[in-house]
Amino acid sequence: MPAASDACLRCGASLSFMERLGLENAIEVPGKGALCPSCYRELSADEYARYFKS
């Protein structure tokens, strides 16, 4: 199981695994962690506000 800092904040997927395979890079969420590219693309307006606006 990946460490919490290695997991997508939304789906829990291993971010380092995706990067090792040469897939897209994670999107950093300031002060919270990171999202996988798939989850970032699928964020609703409310989710975007929750992750990126303090």
PDB file of N, CA and C in Angstrom:
ATOM      1  N   MET A   1       0.840  -1.176   0.000  1.00  0.00           N
ATOM      2  CA  MET A   1       0.000   0.000   0.000  1.00  0.00           C
ATOM      3  C   MET A   1       0.883   1.236   0.000  1.00  0.00           C
ATOM      4  N   PRO A   2       0.606   2.243  -0.874  1.00  0.00           N
ATOM      5  CA  PRO A   2       1.453   3.414  -0.934  1.00  0.00           C
ATOM      6  C   PRO A   2       1.335   4.285   0.310  1.00  0.00           C
ATOM      7  N   ALA A   3       2.389   5.012   0.606  1.00  0.00           N
ATOM      8  CA  ALA A   3       2.352   5.959   1.712  1.00  0.00           C
ATOM      9  C   ALA A   3       1.350   7.051   1.392  1.00  0.00           C
ATOM     10  N   ALA A   4       0.789   7.681   2.426  1.00  0.00           N
ATOM     11  CA  ALA A   4      -0.242   8.697   2.222  1.00  0.00           C
ATOM     12  C   ALA A   4       0.253   9.817   1.315  1.00  0.00           C
ATOM     13  N   SER A   5       1.523  10.214   1.453  1.00  0.00           N
ATOM     14  CA  SER A   5       2.055  11.298   0.637  1.00  0.00           C
ATOM     15  C   SER A   5       2.249  10.875  -0.817  1.00  0.00           C
ATOM     16  N   ASP A   6       2.181   9.597  -1.083  1.00  0.00           N
ATOM     17  CA  ASP A   6       2.348   9.058  -2.429  1.00  0.00           C
ATOM     18  C   ASP A   6       1.003   8.793  -3.096  1.00  0.00           C
ATOM     19  N   ALA A   7      -0.081   9.017  -2.381  1.00  0.00           N
ATOM     20  CA  ALA A   7      -1.399   8.680  -2.895  1.00  0.00           C
ATOM     21  C   ALA A   7      -2.139   9.915  -3.394  1.00  0.00           C
ATOM     22  N   CYS A   8      -2.885   9.737  -4.459  1.00  0.00           N
ATOM     23  CA  CYS A   8      -3.748  10.786  -4.971  1.00  0.00           C
ATOM     24  C   CYS A   8      -4.759  11.136  -3.879  1.00  0.00           C
ATOM     25  N   LEU A   9      -4.967  12.423  -3.662  1.00  0.00           N
ATOM     26  CA  LEU A   9      -5.895  12.863  -2.628  1.00  0.00           C
ATOM     27  C   LEU A   9      -7.331  12.432  -2.907  1.00  0.00           C
ATOM     28  N   ARG A  10      -7.666  12.240  -4.158  1.00  0.00           N
ATOM     29  CA  ARG A  10      -9.053  11.936  -4.541  1.00  0.00           C
ATOM     30  C   ARG A  10      -9.312  10.434  -4.668  1.00  0.00           C
ATOM     31  N   CYS A  11      -8.455   9.711  -5.370  1.00  0.00           N
ATOM     32  CA  CYS A  11      -8.733   8.292  -5.620  1.00  0.00           C
ATOM     33  C   CYS A  11      -7.795   7.341  -4.876  1.00  0.00           C
ATOM     34  N   GLY A  12      -6.693   7.849  -4.347  1.00  0.00           N
ATOM     35  CA  GLY A  12      -5.764   7.009  -3.595  1.00  0.00           C
ATOM     36  C   GLY A  12      -4.744   6.257  -4.425  1.00  0.00           C
ATOM     37  N   ALA A  13      -4.717   6.488  -5.744  1.00  0.00           N
ATOM     38  CA  ALA A  13      -3.756   5.801  -6.618  1.00  0.00           C
ATOM     39  C   ALA A  13      -2.324   6.207  -6.281  1.00  0.00           C
ATOM     40  N   SER A  14      -1.393   5.304  -6.501  1.00  0.00           N
ATOM     41  CA  SER A  14       0.018   5.578  -6.257  1.00  0.00           C
ATOM     42  C   SER A  14       0.563   6.531  -7.308  1.00  0.00           C
ATOM     43  N   LEU A  15       0.973   7.708  -6.872  1.00  0.00           N
ATOM     44  CA  LEU A  15       1.498   8.718  -7.798  1.00  0.00           C
ATOM     45  C   LEU A  15       2.901   8.369  -8.276  1.00  0.00           C
ATOM     46  N   SER A  16       3.731   7.804  -7.408  1.00  0.00           N
ATOM     47  CA  SER A  16       5.088   7.457  -7.822  1.00  0.00           C
ATOM     48  C   SER A  16       5.071   6.325  -8.840  1.00  0.00           C
ATOM     49  N   PHE A  17       4.106   5.420  -8.734  1.00  0.00           N
ATOM     50  CA  PHE A  17       3.979   4.330  -9.695  1.00  0.00           C
ATOM     51  C   PHE A  17       3.708   4.887 -11.093  1.00  0.00           C
ATOM     52  N   MET A  18       2.783   5.840 -11.200  1.00  0.00           N
ATOM     53  CA  MET A  18       2.474   6.447 -12.496  1.00  0.00           C
ATOM     54  C   MET A  18       3.695   7.155 -13.080  1.00  0.00           C
ATOM     55  N   GLU A  19       4.421   7.863 -12.235  1.00  0.00           N
ATOM     56  CA  GLU A  19       5.592   8.601 -12.700  1.00  0.00           C
ATOM     57  C   GLU A  19       6.708   7.654 -13.120  1.00  0.00           C
ATOM     58  N   ARG A  20       6.882   6.546 -12.402  1.00  0.00           N
ATOM     59  CA  ARG A  20       7.920   5.564 -12.767  1.00  0.00           C
ATOM     60  C   ARG A  20       7.634   4.945 -14.120  1.00  0.00           C
ATOM     61  N   LEU A  21       6.375   4.770 -14.440  1.00  0.00           N
ATOM     62  CA  LEU A  21       6.002   4.193 -15.727  1.00  0.00           C
ATOM     63  C   LEU A  21       6.084   5.211 -16.860  1.00  0.00           C
ATOM     64  N   GLY A  22       6.426   6.447 -16.529  1.00  0.00           N
ATOM     65  CA  GLY A  22       6.537   7.472 -17.558  1.00  0.00           C
ATOM     66  C   GLY A  22       5.204   8.064 -17.949  1.00  0.00           C
ATOM     67  N   LEU A  23       4.197   7.827 -17.131  1.00  0.00           N
ATOM     68  CA  LEU A  23       2.893   8.418 -17.389  1.00  0.00           C
ATOM     69  C   LEU A  23       2.920   9.871 -16.918  1.00  0.00           C
ATOM     70  N   GLU A  24       1.813  10.514 -16.953  1.00  0.00           N
ATOM     71  CA  GLU A  24       1.751  11.924 -16.592  1.00  0.00           C
ATOM     72  C   GLU A  24       2.187  12.178 -15.154  1.00  0.00           C
ATOM     73  N   ASN A  25       2.651  13.394 -14.896  1.00  0.00           N
ATOM     74  CA  ASN A  25       3.067  13.790 -13.558  1.00  0.00           C
ATOM     75  C   ASN A  25       1.874  14.211 -12.719  1.00  0.00           C
ATOM     76  N   ALA A  26       2.012  14.063 -11.418  1.00  0.00           N
ATOM     77  CA  ALA A  26       0.969  14.461 -10.481  1.00  0.00           C
ATOM     78  C   ALA A  26       0.833  15.981 -10.449  1.00  0.00           C
ATOM     79  N   ILE A  27      -0.341  16.452 -10.067  1.00  0.00           N
ATOM     80  CA  ILE A  27      -0.605  17.886  -9.928  1.00  0.00           C
ATOM     81  C   ILE A  27      -0.590  18.184  -8.434  1.00  0.00           C
ATOM     82  N   GLU A  28       0.341  19.034  -8.031  1.00  0.00           N
ATOM     83  CA  GLU A  28       0.497  19.377  -6.621  1.00  0.00           C
ATOM     84  C   GLU A  28      -0.658  20.247  -6.136  1.00  0.00           C
ATOM     85  N   VAL A  29      -1.162  19.936  -4.953  1.00  0.00           N
ATOM     86  CA  VAL A  29      -2.176  20.735  -4.277  1.00  0.00           C
ATOM     87  C   VAL A  29      -1.451  21.380  -3.092  1.00  0.00           C
ATOM     88  N   PRO A  30      -1.215  22.688  -3.150  1.00  0.00           N
ATOM     89  CA  PRO A  30      -0.413  23.357  -2.124  1.00  0.00           C
ATOM     90  C   PRO A  30      -0.849  23.046  -0.691  1.00  0.00           C
ATOM     91  N   GLY A  31       0.098  22.522   0.072  1.00  0.00           N
ATOM     92  CA  GLY A  31      -0.123  22.236   1.477  1.00  0.00           C
ATOM     93  C   GLY A  31      -0.973  21.010   1.770  1.00  0.00           C
ATOM     94  N   LYS A  32      -1.374  20.270   0.734  1.00  0.00           N
ATOM     95  CA  LYS A  32      -2.271  19.137   0.968  1.00  0.00           C
ATOM     96  C   LYS A  32      -1.752  17.828   0.400  1.00  0.00           C
ATOM     97  N   GLY A  33      -1.038  17.866  -0.696  1.00  0.00           N
ATOM     98  CA  GLY A  33      -0.576  16.643  -1.346  1.00  0.00           C
ATOM     99  C   GLY A  33      -0.622  16.794  -2.852  1.00  0.00           C
ATOM    100  N   ALA A  34      -1.167  15.788  -3.544  1.00  0.00           N
ATOM    101  CA  ALA A  34      -1.214  15.832  -5.007  1.00  0.00           C
ATOM    102  C   ALA A  34      -2.400  15.025  -5.526  1.00  0.00           C
ATOM    103  N   LEU A  35      -2.767  15.338  -6.752  1.00  0.00           N
ATOM    104  CA  LEU A  35      -3.828  14.625  -7.458  1.00  0.00           C
ATOM    105  C   LEU A  35      -3.230  13.946  -8.672  1.00  0.00           C
ATOM    106  N   CYS A  36      -3.754  12.781  -9.026  1.00  0.00           N
ATOM    107  CA  CYS A  36      -3.324  12.161 -10.270  1.00  0.00           C
ATOM    108  C   CYS A  36      -3.948  12.966 -11.422  1.00  0.00           C
ATOM    109  N   PRO A  37      -3.337  12.947 -12.595  1.00  0.00           N
ATOM    110  CA  PRO A  37      -3.847  13.734 -13.718  1.00  0.00           C
ATOM    111  C   PRO A  37      -5.298  13.417 -14.076  1.00  0.00           C
ATOM    112  N   SER A  38      -5.689  12.172 -13.970  1.00  0.00           N
ATOM    113  CA  SER A  38      -7.063  11.785 -14.294  1.00  0.00           C
ATOM    114  C   SER A  38      -8.058  12.455 -13.349  1.00  0.00           C
ATOM    115  N   CYS A  39      -7.780  12.399 -12.079  1.00  0.00           N
ATOM    116  CA  CYS A  39      -8.674  13.035 -11.102  1.00  0.00           C
ATOM    117  C   CYS A  39      -8.693  14.548 -11.291  1.00  0.00           C
ATOM    118  N   TYR A  40      -7.537  15.142 -11.569  1.00  0.00           N
ATOM    119  CA  TYR A  40      -7.489  16.581 -11.771  1.00  0.00           C
ATOM    120  C   TYR A  40      -8.404  16.995 -12.925  1.00  0.00           C
ATOM    121  N   ARG A  41      -8.369  16.238 -14.013  1.00  0.00           N
ATOM    122  CA  ARG A  41      -9.212  16.548 -15.173  1.00  0.00           C
ATOM    123  C   ARG A  41     -10.701  16.379 -14.870  1.00  0.00           C
ATOM    124  N   GLU A  42     -11.026  15.516 -13.935  1.00  0.00           N
ATOM    125  CA  GLU A  42     -12.424  15.223 -13.621  1.00  0.00           C
ATOM    126  C   GLU A  42     -13.001  16.052 -12.478  1.00  0.00           C
ATOM    127  N   LEU A  43     -12.221  16.958 -11.885  1.00  0.00           N
ATOM    128  CA  LEU A  43     -12.710  17.731 -10.744  1.00  0.00           C
ATOM    129  C   LEU A  43     -13.914  18.584 -11.121  1.00  0.00           C
ATOM    130  N   SER A  44     -14.911  18.576 -10.260  1.00  0.00           N
ATOM    131  CA  SER A  44     -16.040  19.493 -10.419  1.00  0.00           C
ATOM    132  C   SER A  44     -15.575  20.864  -9.913  1.00  0.00           C
ATOM    133  N   ALA A  45     -16.366  21.879 -10.163  1.00  0.00           N
ATOM    134  CA  ALA A  45     -16.019  23.225  -9.684  1.00  0.00           C
ATOM    135  C   ALA A  45     -15.913  23.248  -8.163  1.00  0.00           C
ATOM    136  N   ASP A  46     -16.800  22.547  -7.489  1.00  0.00           N
ATOM    137  CA  ASP A  46     -16.755  22.500  -6.023  1.00  0.00           C
ATOM    138  C   ASP A  46     -15.505  21.795  -5.516  1.00  0.00           C
ATOM    139  N   GLU A  47     -15.144  20.683  -6.164  1.00  0.00           N
ATOM    140  CA  GLU A  47     -13.936  19.962  -5.767  1.00  0.00           C
ATOM    141  C   GLU A  47     -12.694  20.809  -6.022  1.00  0.00           C
ATOM    142  N   TYR A  48     -12.661  21.487  -7.157  1.00  0.00           N
ATOM    143  CA  TYR A  48     -11.512  22.339  -7.470  1.00  0.00           C
ATOM    144  C   TYR A  48     -11.345  23.396  -6.383  1.00  0.00           C
ATOM    145  N   ALA A  49     -12.439  24.031  -6.005  1.00  0.00           N
ATOM    146  CA  ALA A  49     -12.391  25.053  -4.952  1.00  0.00           C
ATOM    147  C   ALA A  49     -11.894  24.453  -3.640  1.00  0.00           C
ATOM    148  N   ARG A  50     -12.336  23.249  -3.315  1.00  0.00           N
ATOM    149  CA  ARG A  50     -11.924  22.614  -2.057  1.00  0.00           C
ATOM    150  C   ARG A  50     -10.424  22.318  -2.054  1.00  0.00           C
ATOM    151  N   TYR A  51      -9.874  21.874  -3.175  1.00  0.00           N
ATOM    152  CA  TYR A  51      -8.457  21.534  -3.213  1.00  0.00           C
ATOM    153  C   TYR A  51      -7.534  22.724  -3.418  1.00  0.00           C
ATOM    154  N   PHE A  52      -7.946  23.722  -4.197  1.00  0.00           N
ATOM    155  CA  PHE A  52      -7.022  24.769  -4.590  1.00  0.00           C
ATOM    156  C   PHE A  52      -7.292  26.161  -4.018  1.00  0.00           C
ATOM    157  N   LYS A  53      -8.407  26.328  -3.338  1.00  0.00           N
ATOM    158  CA  LYS A  53      -8.688  27.632  -2.738  1.00  0.00           C
ATOM    159  C   LYS A  53      -8.810  27.467  -1.230  1.00  0.00           C
ATOM    160  N   SER A  54      -8.060  28.279  -0.522  1.00  0.00           N
ATOM    161  CA  SER A  54      -8.040  28.160   0.942  1.00  0.00           C
ATOM    162  C   SER A  54      -9.161  28.928   1.589  1.00  0.00           C
TER     163      SER A  54
END
